[in-house]
């Protein structure tokens, strides 16, 4: 990746990192940058998160990662990742009015994962997200096998988990991703 393509999104991410220190107490940008520099694929994923409107930032949303976790912190579901059904199986099942892609395919192409319900709830402890939109989340296999998928939003100062047919899609529903480095 050339320096210009590398640096532009990094400047935005660094500025966001510095504005929202409560999301990652005790973490130093120099350490995050060193980890990113050692993982070019992660840098590319981070750039894609930024380009699709995710506003990624380092967050503390799970205790399982020894490294750093980036998550989409845009106030609403990222605008460049909306109007997609849940996964390829759901996309293939649509007979008409197919969306361009699925959340799972887009996430895989970006090198990120959809948030789990626990991660989504933890993110909501760091701010208020999806007050007008909703976001697909990683759906447990038994639900998906029955044709459903889960999504979340925040209304009435509470986080709600809903279900829908995995092949559904809406202009106000996208997905939030997580990247561990």
N, C-alpha and C. Protein backbone atom coordinates (compact mmCIF):
# COMPACT_ATOMS: atom_id res chain seq x y z
N UNK A 1 0.85 -1.16 0.00
CA UNK A 1 0.00 0.00 0.00
C UNK A 1 0.90 1.23 0.00
N UNK A 2 0.61 2.17 -0.90
CA UNK A 2 1.46 3.36 -0.94
C UNK A 2 1.19 4.24 0.28
N UNK A 3 2.11 5.16 0.53
CA UNK A 3 2.07 5.97 1.76
C UNK A 3 0.80 6.81 1.86
N UNK A 4 0.33 7.35 0.73
CA UNK A 4 -0.87 8.19 0.76
C UNK A 4 -2.10 7.37 1.14
N UNK A 5 -2.26 6.19 0.52
CA UNK A 5 -3.39 5.31 0.84
C UNK A 5 -3.31 4.81 2.28
N UNK A 6 -2.11 4.63 2.78
CA UNK A 6 -1.91 4.16 4.14
C UNK A 6 -2.19 5.27 5.15
N UNK A 7 -1.67 6.46 4.88
CA UNK A 7 -1.71 7.52 5.88
C UNK A 7 -3.05 8.22 6.03
N UNK A 8 -3.79 8.41 4.94
CA UNK A 8 -5.06 9.15 5.04
C UNK A 8 -6.02 8.52 6.04
N UNK A 9 -6.34 7.22 5.91
CA UNK A 9 -7.24 6.65 6.91
C UNK A 9 -6.62 6.58 8.30
N UNK A 10 -5.32 6.40 8.37
CA UNK A 10 -4.66 6.33 9.68
C UNK A 10 -4.76 7.66 10.43
N UNK A 11 -4.67 8.76 9.71
CA UNK A 11 -4.81 10.08 10.37
C UNK A 11 -6.21 10.22 10.98
N UNK A 12 -7.22 9.79 10.22
CA UNK A 12 -8.59 9.85 10.73
C UNK A 12 -8.77 8.95 11.95
N UNK A 13 -8.23 7.75 11.88
CA UNK A 13 -8.35 6.80 12.99
C UNK A 13 -7.58 7.31 14.21
N UNK A 14 -6.38 7.88 13.99
CA UNK A 14 -5.61 8.41 15.12
C UNK A 14 -6.35 9.58 15.78
N UNK A 15 -6.93 10.46 14.99
CA UNK A 15 -7.66 11.60 15.56
C UNK A 15 -8.85 11.10 16.38
N UNK A 16 -9.55 10.10 15.87
CA UNK A 16 -10.69 9.53 16.59
C UNK A 16 -10.20 8.85 17.88
N UNK A 17 -9.10 8.12 17.79
CA UNK A 17 -8.50 7.46 18.94
C UNK A 17 -8.22 8.48 20.05
N UNK A 18 -7.66 9.62 19.68
CA UNK A 18 -7.29 10.65 20.66
C UNK A 18 -8.51 11.38 21.22
N UNK A 19 -9.58 11.49 20.43
CA UNK A 19 -10.81 12.16 20.89
C UNK A 19 -11.61 11.29 21.87
N UNK A 20 -11.45 9.98 21.78
CA UNK A 20 -12.30 9.07 22.55
C UNK A 20 -11.47 8.12 23.41
N UNK A 21 -10.63 8.67 24.25
CA UNK A 21 -9.74 7.86 25.09
C UNK A 21 -10.52 6.96 26.06
N UNK A 22 -11.75 7.31 26.39
CA UNK A 22 -12.56 6.48 27.30
C UNK A 22 -12.87 5.10 26.70
N UNK A 23 -12.73 4.97 25.38
CA UNK A 23 -13.00 3.68 24.74
C UNK A 23 -11.84 2.69 24.91
N UNK A 24 -10.66 3.21 25.26
CA UNK A 24 -9.46 2.37 25.34
C UNK A 24 -8.49 2.92 26.38
N UNK A 25 -8.88 2.96 27.63
CA UNK A 25 -8.00 3.53 28.66
C UNK A 25 -6.66 2.79 28.74
N UNK A 26 -5.61 3.57 28.86
CA UNK A 26 -4.27 3.01 29.02
C UNK A 26 -3.60 2.54 27.75
N UNK A 27 -4.27 2.66 26.61
CA UNK A 27 -3.69 2.23 25.34
C UNK A 27 -2.99 3.41 24.68
N UNK A 28 -1.79 3.16 24.18
CA UNK A 28 -1.01 4.21 23.51
C UNK A 28 -1.09 4.03 22.00
N UNK A 29 -1.29 5.15 21.28
CA UNK A 29 -1.39 5.09 19.82
C UNK A 29 -0.12 4.51 19.21
N UNK A 30 1.03 4.83 19.73
CA UNK A 30 2.29 4.31 19.18
C UNK A 30 2.31 2.78 19.20
N UNK A 31 1.76 2.17 20.24
CA UNK A 31 1.71 0.71 20.32
C UNK A 31 0.74 0.13 19.29
N UNK A 32 -0.39 0.79 19.13
CA UNK A 32 -1.38 0.34 18.14
C UNK A 32 -0.79 0.46 16.74
N UNK A 33 -0.15 1.58 16.45
CA UNK A 33 0.46 1.80 15.14
C UNK A 33 1.54 0.78 14.85
N UNK A 34 2.34 0.44 15.82
CA UNK A 34 3.38 -0.57 15.63
C UNK A 34 2.75 -1.92 15.29
N UNK A 35 1.66 -2.26 15.95
CA UNK A 35 0.97 -3.53 15.66
C UNK A 35 0.38 -3.50 14.25
N UNK A 36 -0.20 -2.37 13.86
CA UNK A 36 -0.75 -2.24 12.51
C UNK A 36 0.34 -2.34 11.44
N UNK A 37 1.47 -1.68 11.69
CA UNK A 37 2.57 -1.72 10.73
C UNK A 37 3.10 -3.14 10.52
N UNK A 38 2.99 -3.97 11.54
CA UNK A 38 3.45 -5.36 11.45
C UNK A 38 2.44 -6.26 10.76
N UNK A 39 1.23 -5.76 10.54
CA UNK A 39 0.15 -6.56 9.94
C UNK A 39 -0.49 -5.79 8.79
N UNK A 40 0.11 -5.83 7.60
CA UNK A 40 -0.43 -5.08 6.45
C UNK A 40 -1.87 -5.44 6.11
N UNK A 41 -2.27 -6.68 6.28
CA UNK A 41 -3.65 -7.07 5.99
C UNK A 41 -4.62 -6.36 6.93
N UNK A 42 -4.24 -6.19 8.19
CA UNK A 42 -5.08 -5.49 9.15
C UNK A 42 -5.20 -4.02 8.77
N UNK A 43 -4.13 -3.45 8.28
CA UNK A 43 -4.16 -2.05 7.84
C UNK A 43 -5.13 -1.88 6.68
N UNK A 44 -5.15 -2.83 5.77
CA UNK A 44 -6.08 -2.80 4.65
C UNK A 44 -7.52 -2.94 5.15
N UNK A 45 -7.75 -3.83 6.09
CA UNK A 45 -9.09 -3.99 6.67
C UNK A 45 -9.54 -2.71 7.36
N UNK A 46 -8.65 -2.10 8.08
CA UNK A 46 -8.97 -0.85 8.77
C UNK A 46 -9.33 0.24 7.77
N UNK A 47 -8.59 0.29 6.67
CA UNK A 47 -8.89 1.28 5.62
C UNK A 47 -10.29 1.04 5.05
N UNK A 48 -10.65 -0.22 4.82
CA UNK A 48 -11.98 -0.54 4.29
C UNK A 48 -13.07 -0.18 5.30
N UNK A 49 -12.80 -0.39 6.58
CA UNK A 49 -13.76 0.00 7.61
C UNK A 49 -14.00 1.50 7.56
N UNK A 50 -12.93 2.25 7.42
CA UNK A 50 -13.02 3.71 7.35
C UNK A 50 -13.76 4.16 6.09
N UNK A 51 -13.41 3.57 4.95
CA UNK A 51 -14.00 3.98 3.67
C UNK A 51 -15.50 3.70 3.59
N UNK A 52 -15.99 2.71 4.31
CA UNK A 52 -17.42 2.39 4.28
C UNK A 52 -18.21 3.09 5.39
N UNK A 53 -17.56 4.03 6.07
CA UNK A 53 -18.26 4.84 7.06
C UNK A 53 -18.32 4.27 8.46
N UNK A 54 -17.47 3.31 8.76
CA UNK A 54 -17.51 2.67 10.07
C UNK A 54 -16.94 3.47 11.22
N UNK A 55 -16.08 4.43 10.93
CA UNK A 55 -15.41 5.21 11.97
C UNK A 55 -14.78 4.29 13.03
N UNK A 56 -13.88 3.39 12.60
CA UNK A 56 -13.29 2.43 13.55
C UNK A 56 -12.44 3.10 14.62
N UNK A 57 -12.47 2.50 15.80
CA UNK A 57 -11.67 2.97 16.92
C UNK A 57 -11.26 1.74 17.74
N UNK A 58 -10.20 1.89 18.50
CA UNK A 58 -9.79 0.83 19.42
C UNK A 58 -10.77 0.84 20.58
N UNK A 59 -11.28 -0.34 20.91
CA UNK A 59 -12.27 -0.44 21.99
C UNK A 59 -11.92 -1.61 22.91
N UNK A 60 -12.47 -1.54 24.09
CA UNK A 60 -12.39 -2.65 25.05
C UNK A 60 -13.80 -3.23 25.14
N UNK A 61 -14.09 -4.21 24.28
CA UNK A 61 -15.43 -4.81 24.30
C UNK A 61 -15.41 -6.30 24.62
N UNK A 62 -14.23 -6.86 24.72
CA UNK A 62 -14.14 -8.25 25.16
C UNK A 62 -12.78 -8.47 25.81
N UNK A 63 -12.72 -9.39 26.72
CA UNK A 63 -11.49 -9.65 27.43
C UNK A 63 -10.68 -10.78 26.83
N UNK A 64 -11.07 -11.23 25.63
CA UNK A 64 -10.43 -12.40 25.06
C UNK A 64 -9.20 -12.07 24.23
N UNK A 65 -9.02 -10.83 23.86
CA UNK A 65 -7.94 -10.48 22.94
C UNK A 65 -6.73 -9.93 23.69
N UNK A 66 -5.58 -10.50 23.39
CA UNK A 66 -4.34 -10.00 23.98
C UNK A 66 -3.84 -8.79 23.24
N UNK A 67 -4.31 -8.59 22.01
CA UNK A 67 -3.88 -7.47 21.19
C UNK A 67 -4.84 -6.30 21.32
N UNK A 68 -5.16 -5.71 20.19
CA UNK A 68 -6.06 -4.56 20.13
C UNK A 68 -7.28 -4.93 19.30
N UNK A 69 -8.41 -4.37 19.68
CA UNK A 69 -9.66 -4.62 18.97
C UNK A 69 -10.18 -3.31 18.42
N UNK A 70 -10.37 -3.27 17.10
CA UNK A 70 -11.03 -2.13 16.46
C UNK A 70 -12.49 -2.50 16.24
N UNK A 71 -13.36 -1.53 16.41
CA UNK A 71 -14.78 -1.73 16.19
C UNK A 71 -15.34 -0.48 15.52
N UNK A 72 -16.37 -0.68 14.71
CA UNK A 72 -17.04 0.47 14.09
C UNK A 72 -17.76 1.27 15.16
N UNK A 73 -17.42 2.55 15.25
CA UNK A 73 -18.01 3.42 16.26
C UNK A 73 -18.80 4.57 15.63
N UNK A 74 -19.20 4.42 14.37
CA UNK A 74 -20.05 5.44 13.74
C UNK A 74 -21.36 5.51 14.54
N UNK A 75 -21.93 6.69 14.68
CA UNK A 75 -23.17 6.79 15.44
C UNK A 75 -24.28 5.87 14.93
N UNK A 76 -24.38 5.73 13.60
CA UNK A 76 -25.38 4.86 13.00
C UNK A 76 -24.67 3.75 12.24
N UNK A 77 -25.39 2.71 11.89
CA UNK A 77 -24.81 1.59 11.16
C UNK A 77 -24.08 2.15 9.93
N UNK A 78 -22.86 1.70 9.65
CA UNK A 78 -22.05 2.29 8.58
C UNK A 78 -22.80 2.39 7.25
N UNK A 79 -22.83 3.60 6.69
CA UNK A 79 -23.62 3.87 5.50
C UNK A 79 -23.20 3.05 4.29
N UNK A 80 -21.93 2.69 4.20
CA UNK A 80 -21.44 1.91 3.07
C UNK A 80 -21.68 0.42 3.21
N UNK A 81 -22.39 0.01 4.27
CA UNK A 81 -22.64 -1.41 4.51
C UNK A 81 -24.11 -1.70 4.80
N UNK A 82 -24.97 -0.85 4.29
CA UNK A 82 -26.40 -1.05 4.51
C UNK A 82 -27.06 -1.72 3.30
N UNK A 83 -28.31 -2.05 3.47
CA UNK A 83 -29.12 -2.68 2.41
C UNK A 83 -28.52 -4.00 1.94
N UNK A 84 -28.12 -4.81 2.89
CA UNK A 84 -27.60 -6.14 2.54
C UNK A 84 -28.31 -7.17 3.41
N UNK A 85 -28.54 -8.34 2.84
CA UNK A 85 -29.12 -9.42 3.63
C UNK A 85 -28.00 -10.04 4.49
N UNK A 86 -28.33 -11.06 5.25
CA UNK A 86 -27.38 -11.56 6.24
C UNK A 86 -26.19 -12.31 5.63
N UNK A 87 -26.44 -13.34 4.80
CA UNK A 87 -25.33 -14.15 4.29
C UNK A 87 -25.60 -14.61 2.85
N UNK A 88 -24.68 -15.35 2.28
CA UNK A 88 -24.79 -15.77 0.88
C UNK A 88 -25.99 -16.68 0.67
N UNK A 89 -26.25 -17.57 1.60
CA UNK A 89 -27.41 -18.46 1.49
C UNK A 89 -28.70 -17.64 1.40
N UNK A 90 -28.79 -16.61 2.21
CA UNK A 90 -29.97 -15.74 2.18
C UNK A 90 -30.04 -14.99 0.86
N UNK A 91 -28.92 -14.49 0.39
CA UNK A 91 -28.88 -13.78 -0.89
C UNK A 91 -29.31 -14.71 -2.03
N UNK A 92 -28.79 -15.92 -2.03
CA UNK A 92 -29.13 -16.89 -3.08
C UNK A 92 -30.60 -17.27 -3.05
N UNK A 93 -31.23 -17.21 -1.88
CA UNK A 93 -32.63 -17.62 -1.76
C UNK A 93 -33.60 -16.57 -2.29
N UNK A 94 -33.15 -15.35 -2.46
CA UNK A 94 -34.04 -14.30 -2.96
C UNK A 94 -34.31 -14.50 -4.44
N UNK A 95 -35.56 -14.47 -4.82
CA UNK A 95 -35.95 -14.66 -6.22
C UNK A 95 -35.92 -13.33 -6.99
N UNK A 96 -36.22 -12.25 -6.31
CA UNK A 96 -36.24 -10.93 -6.96
C UNK A 96 -35.80 -9.87 -5.97
N UNK A 97 -35.52 -8.69 -6.49
CA UNK A 97 -35.07 -7.56 -5.68
C UNK A 97 -33.88 -7.92 -4.79
N UNK A 98 -32.92 -8.59 -5.37
CA UNK A 98 -31.74 -9.00 -4.60
C UNK A 98 -30.87 -7.78 -4.28
N UNK A 99 -30.39 -7.72 -3.05
CA UNK A 99 -29.40 -6.68 -2.74
C UNK A 99 -28.07 -7.03 -3.43
N UNK A 100 -27.16 -6.11 -3.42
CA UNK A 100 -25.88 -6.31 -4.09
C UNK A 100 -25.03 -7.38 -3.42
N UNK A 101 -25.15 -7.51 -2.11
CA UNK A 101 -24.28 -8.43 -1.38
C UNK A 101 -24.91 -8.79 -0.04
N UNK A 102 -24.17 -9.53 0.75
CA UNK A 102 -24.62 -9.88 2.10
C UNK A 102 -23.64 -9.32 3.12
N UNK A 103 -24.11 -9.20 4.35
CA UNK A 103 -23.26 -8.69 5.42
C UNK A 103 -22.06 -9.61 5.65
N UNK A 104 -22.28 -10.91 5.66
CA UNK A 104 -21.19 -11.85 5.91
C UNK A 104 -20.15 -11.82 4.79
N UNK A 105 -20.60 -11.72 3.54
CA UNK A 105 -19.66 -11.67 2.42
C UNK A 105 -18.86 -10.38 2.45
N UNK A 106 -19.53 -9.27 2.73
CA UNK A 106 -18.83 -8.00 2.79
C UNK A 106 -17.80 -7.99 3.93
N UNK A 107 -18.20 -8.52 5.08
CA UNK A 107 -17.28 -8.58 6.22
C UNK A 107 -16.06 -9.44 5.87
N UNK A 108 -16.29 -10.59 5.25
CA UNK A 108 -15.18 -11.47 4.87
C UNK A 108 -14.25 -10.76 3.88
N UNK A 109 -14.84 -10.06 2.92
CA UNK A 109 -14.03 -9.32 1.95
C UNK A 109 -13.19 -8.23 2.62
N UNK A 110 -13.72 -7.66 3.69
CA UNK A 110 -13.02 -6.61 4.42
C UNK A 110 -12.02 -7.17 5.43
N UNK A 111 -12.09 -8.47 5.71
CA UNK A 111 -11.19 -9.07 6.70
C UNK A 111 -11.62 -8.80 8.13
N UNK A 112 -12.93 -8.60 8.34
CA UNK A 112 -13.47 -8.32 9.67
C UNK A 112 -14.58 -9.33 9.97
N UNK A 113 -15.10 -9.27 11.19
CA UNK A 113 -16.21 -10.13 11.60
C UNK A 113 -17.36 -9.27 12.09
N UNK A 114 -18.58 -9.79 11.98
CA UNK A 114 -19.72 -9.13 12.57
C UNK A 114 -19.60 -9.21 14.09
N UNK A 115 -20.12 -8.21 14.77
CA UNK A 115 -20.13 -8.23 16.23
C UNK A 115 -21.04 -9.34 16.73
N UNK A 116 -20.69 -9.91 17.86
CA UNK A 116 -21.59 -10.81 18.56
C UNK A 116 -22.56 -9.96 19.37
N UNK A 117 -23.58 -10.59 19.93
CA UNK A 117 -24.50 -9.85 20.79
C UNK A 117 -23.77 -9.26 21.99
N UNK A 118 -22.88 -10.03 22.60
CA UNK A 118 -22.14 -9.54 23.77
C UNK A 118 -21.26 -8.35 23.40
N UNK A 119 -20.61 -8.41 22.25
CA UNK A 119 -19.77 -7.29 21.81
C UNK A 119 -20.62 -6.06 21.52
N UNK A 120 -21.77 -6.27 20.90
CA UNK A 120 -22.67 -5.15 20.60
C UNK A 120 -23.12 -4.47 21.90
N UNK A 121 -23.49 -5.26 22.88
CA UNK A 121 -23.91 -4.70 24.17
C UNK A 121 -22.76 -3.97 24.85
N UNK A 122 -21.55 -4.52 24.76
CA UNK A 122 -20.38 -3.85 25.35
C UNK A 122 -20.09 -2.54 24.64
N UNK A 123 -20.23 -2.52 23.33
CA UNK A 123 -20.03 -1.28 22.57
C UNK A 123 -21.00 -0.20 23.05
N UNK A 124 -22.23 -0.59 23.33
CA UNK A 124 -23.23 0.37 23.78
C UNK A 124 -22.91 0.96 25.15
N UNK A 125 -22.00 0.35 25.88
CA UNK A 125 -21.55 0.91 27.15
C UNK A 125 -20.57 2.07 26.92
N UNK A 126 -20.03 2.15 25.72
CA UNK A 126 -19.05 3.20 25.38
C UNK A 126 -19.68 4.41 24.72
N UNK A 127 -20.94 4.34 24.40
CA UNK A 127 -21.64 5.43 23.73
C UNK A 127 -23.02 4.97 23.31
N UNK A 128 -23.71 5.83 22.58
CA UNK A 128 -25.04 5.48 22.08
C UNK A 128 -24.94 5.30 20.57
N UNK A 129 -25.22 4.09 20.10
CA UNK A 129 -25.08 3.74 18.69
C UNK A 129 -26.39 3.16 18.17
N UNK A 130 -26.63 3.35 16.89
CA UNK A 130 -27.83 2.82 16.21
C UNK A 130 -29.12 3.33 16.84
N UNK A 131 -29.22 4.64 17.00
CA UNK A 131 -30.45 5.23 17.51
C UNK A 131 -31.51 5.33 16.42
N UNK A 132 -31.09 5.32 15.15
CA UNK A 132 -32.02 5.41 14.02
C UNK A 132 -31.88 4.24 13.06
N UNK A 133 -30.82 3.48 13.17
CA UNK A 133 -30.55 2.37 12.28
C UNK A 133 -30.48 1.08 13.10
N UNK A 134 -30.18 -0.02 12.43
CA UNK A 134 -29.96 -1.28 13.12
C UNK A 134 -28.79 -1.99 12.45
N UNK A 135 -28.22 -2.97 13.14
CA UNK A 135 -27.04 -3.67 12.64
C UNK A 135 -27.20 -5.18 12.81
N UNK A 136 -26.95 -5.92 11.71
CA UNK A 136 -26.89 -7.38 11.81
C UNK A 136 -25.80 -7.74 12.81
N UNK A 137 -26.02 -8.81 13.56
CA UNK A 137 -24.98 -9.34 14.45
C UNK A 137 -24.77 -10.81 14.11
N UNK A 138 -23.68 -11.35 14.58
CA UNK A 138 -23.39 -12.77 14.37
C UNK A 138 -24.53 -13.60 14.96
N UNK A 139 -25.08 -14.47 14.13
CA UNK A 139 -26.27 -15.23 14.51
C UNK A 139 -25.90 -16.66 14.87
N UNK A 140 -26.39 -17.16 15.99
CA UNK A 140 -26.12 -18.56 16.36
C UNK A 140 -26.63 -19.52 15.28
N UNK A 141 -25.90 -20.58 15.08
CA UNK A 141 -26.19 -21.56 14.04
C UNK A 141 -27.62 -22.13 14.10
N UNK A 142 -28.16 -22.48 15.27
CA UNK A 142 -29.52 -23.02 15.29
C UNK A 142 -30.57 -22.05 14.73
N UNK A 143 -30.40 -20.77 14.99
CA UNK A 143 -31.33 -19.77 14.46
C UNK A 143 -31.16 -19.64 12.96
N UNK A 144 -29.89 -19.59 12.54
CA UNK A 144 -29.62 -19.44 11.11
C UNK A 144 -30.13 -20.64 10.31
N UNK A 145 -30.00 -21.84 10.86
CA UNK A 145 -30.47 -23.06 10.18
C UNK A 145 -31.98 -23.02 9.93
N UNK A 146 -32.69 -22.30 10.76
CA UNK A 146 -34.14 -22.17 10.60
C UNK A 146 -34.53 -20.99 9.71
N UNK A 147 -33.53 -20.32 9.14
CA UNK A 147 -33.81 -19.22 8.20
C UNK A 147 -33.76 -17.83 8.80
N UNK A 148 -33.47 -17.73 10.08
CA UNK A 148 -33.47 -16.43 10.74
C UNK A 148 -32.09 -15.85 10.90
N UNK A 149 -32.06 -14.60 11.28
CA UNK A 149 -30.82 -13.89 11.61
C UNK A 149 -31.15 -12.82 12.64
N UNK A 150 -30.15 -12.41 13.40
CA UNK A 150 -30.35 -11.44 14.48
C UNK A 150 -29.78 -10.07 14.11
N UNK A 151 -30.42 -9.04 14.63
CA UNK A 151 -29.90 -7.69 14.51
C UNK A 151 -30.22 -6.94 15.79
N UNK A 152 -29.52 -5.84 16.00
CA UNK A 152 -29.68 -5.04 17.21
C UNK A 152 -29.84 -3.57 16.88
N UNK A 153 -30.38 -2.85 17.84
CA UNK A 153 -30.38 -1.39 17.79
C UNK A 153 -30.54 -0.88 19.22
N UNK A 154 -30.54 0.44 19.34
CA UNK A 154 -30.72 1.06 20.65
C UNK A 154 -31.90 2.01 20.56
N UNK A 155 -32.89 1.76 21.40
CA UNK A 155 -34.07 2.61 21.48
C UNK A 155 -34.44 2.73 22.95
N UNK A 156 -35.01 3.85 23.34
CA UNK A 156 -35.49 4.04 24.70
C UNK A 156 -34.41 3.77 25.73
N UNK A 157 -33.18 4.15 25.39
CA UNK A 157 -32.03 3.96 26.26
C UNK A 157 -31.80 2.49 26.62
N UNK A 158 -32.19 1.59 25.72
CA UNK A 158 -32.01 0.15 25.91
C UNK A 158 -31.53 -0.49 24.62
N UNK A 159 -30.80 -1.57 24.73
CA UNK A 159 -30.34 -2.33 23.56
C UNK A 159 -31.33 -3.46 23.33
N UNK A 160 -31.79 -3.56 22.08
CA UNK A 160 -32.75 -4.60 21.72
C UNK A 160 -32.13 -5.54 20.71
N UNK A 161 -32.42 -6.81 20.86
CA UNK A 161 -32.02 -7.85 19.91
C UNK A 161 -33.31 -8.34 19.26
N UNK A 162 -33.31 -8.37 17.94
CA UNK A 162 -34.49 -8.80 17.19
C UNK A 162 -34.10 -9.92 16.24
N UNK A 163 -35.12 -10.49 15.63
CA UNK A 163 -34.90 -11.50 14.60
C UNK A 163 -35.62 -11.06 13.33
N UNK A 164 -35.16 -11.58 12.22
CA UNK A 164 -35.77 -11.33 10.93
C UNK A 164 -35.35 -12.48 10.03
N UNK A 165 -36.03 -12.63 8.92
CA UNK A 165 -35.56 -13.59 7.94
C UNK A 165 -34.21 -13.14 7.44
N UNK A 166 -33.28 -14.06 7.30
CA UNK A 166 -31.92 -13.71 6.90
C UNK A 166 -31.86 -13.07 5.52
N UNK A 167 -32.87 -13.31 4.69
CA UNK A 167 -32.86 -12.74 3.35
C UNK A 167 -33.42 -11.32 3.29
N UNK A 168 -33.92 -10.82 4.40
CA UNK A 168 -34.46 -9.46 4.41
C UNK A 168 -33.32 -8.44 4.37
N UNK A 169 -33.65 -7.27 3.88
CA UNK A 169 -32.69 -6.17 3.91
C UNK A 169 -33.45 -4.85 3.91
N UNK A 170 -32.85 -3.87 4.54
CA UNK A 170 -33.48 -2.57 4.69
C UNK A 170 -32.43 -1.48 4.53
N UNK A 171 -32.86 -0.32 4.07
CA UNK A 171 -31.95 0.80 3.87
C UNK A 171 -31.32 1.27 5.18
N UNK A 172 -31.98 1.00 6.29
CA UNK A 172 -31.47 1.46 7.59
C UNK A 172 -30.78 0.34 8.37
N UNK A 173 -30.55 -0.81 7.74
CA UNK A 173 -29.86 -1.89 8.44
C UNK A 173 -28.58 -2.24 7.71
N UNK A 174 -27.48 -2.23 8.47
CA UNK A 174 -26.19 -2.64 7.94
C UNK A 174 -25.55 -3.59 8.93
N UNK A 175 -24.26 -3.41 9.12
CA UNK A 175 -23.58 -4.22 10.13
C UNK A 175 -22.36 -3.47 10.63
N UNK A 176 -22.00 -3.77 11.86
CA UNK A 176 -20.79 -3.25 12.49
C UNK A 176 -19.78 -4.38 12.53
N UNK A 177 -18.53 -4.03 12.32
CA UNK A 177 -17.49 -5.05 12.30
C UNK A 177 -16.49 -4.89 13.42
N UNK A 178 -15.77 -5.97 13.63
CA UNK A 178 -14.70 -6.00 14.62
C UNK A 178 -13.44 -6.55 13.95
N UNK A 179 -12.31 -5.96 14.28
CA UNK A 179 -11.01 -6.35 13.76
C UNK A 179 -10.07 -6.49 14.94
N UNK A 180 -9.48 -7.68 15.10
CA UNK A 180 -8.52 -7.90 16.18
C UNK A 180 -7.12 -7.96 15.59
N UNK A 181 -6.21 -7.22 16.21
CA UNK A 181 -4.82 -7.25 15.74
C UNK A 181 -3.91 -7.55 16.92
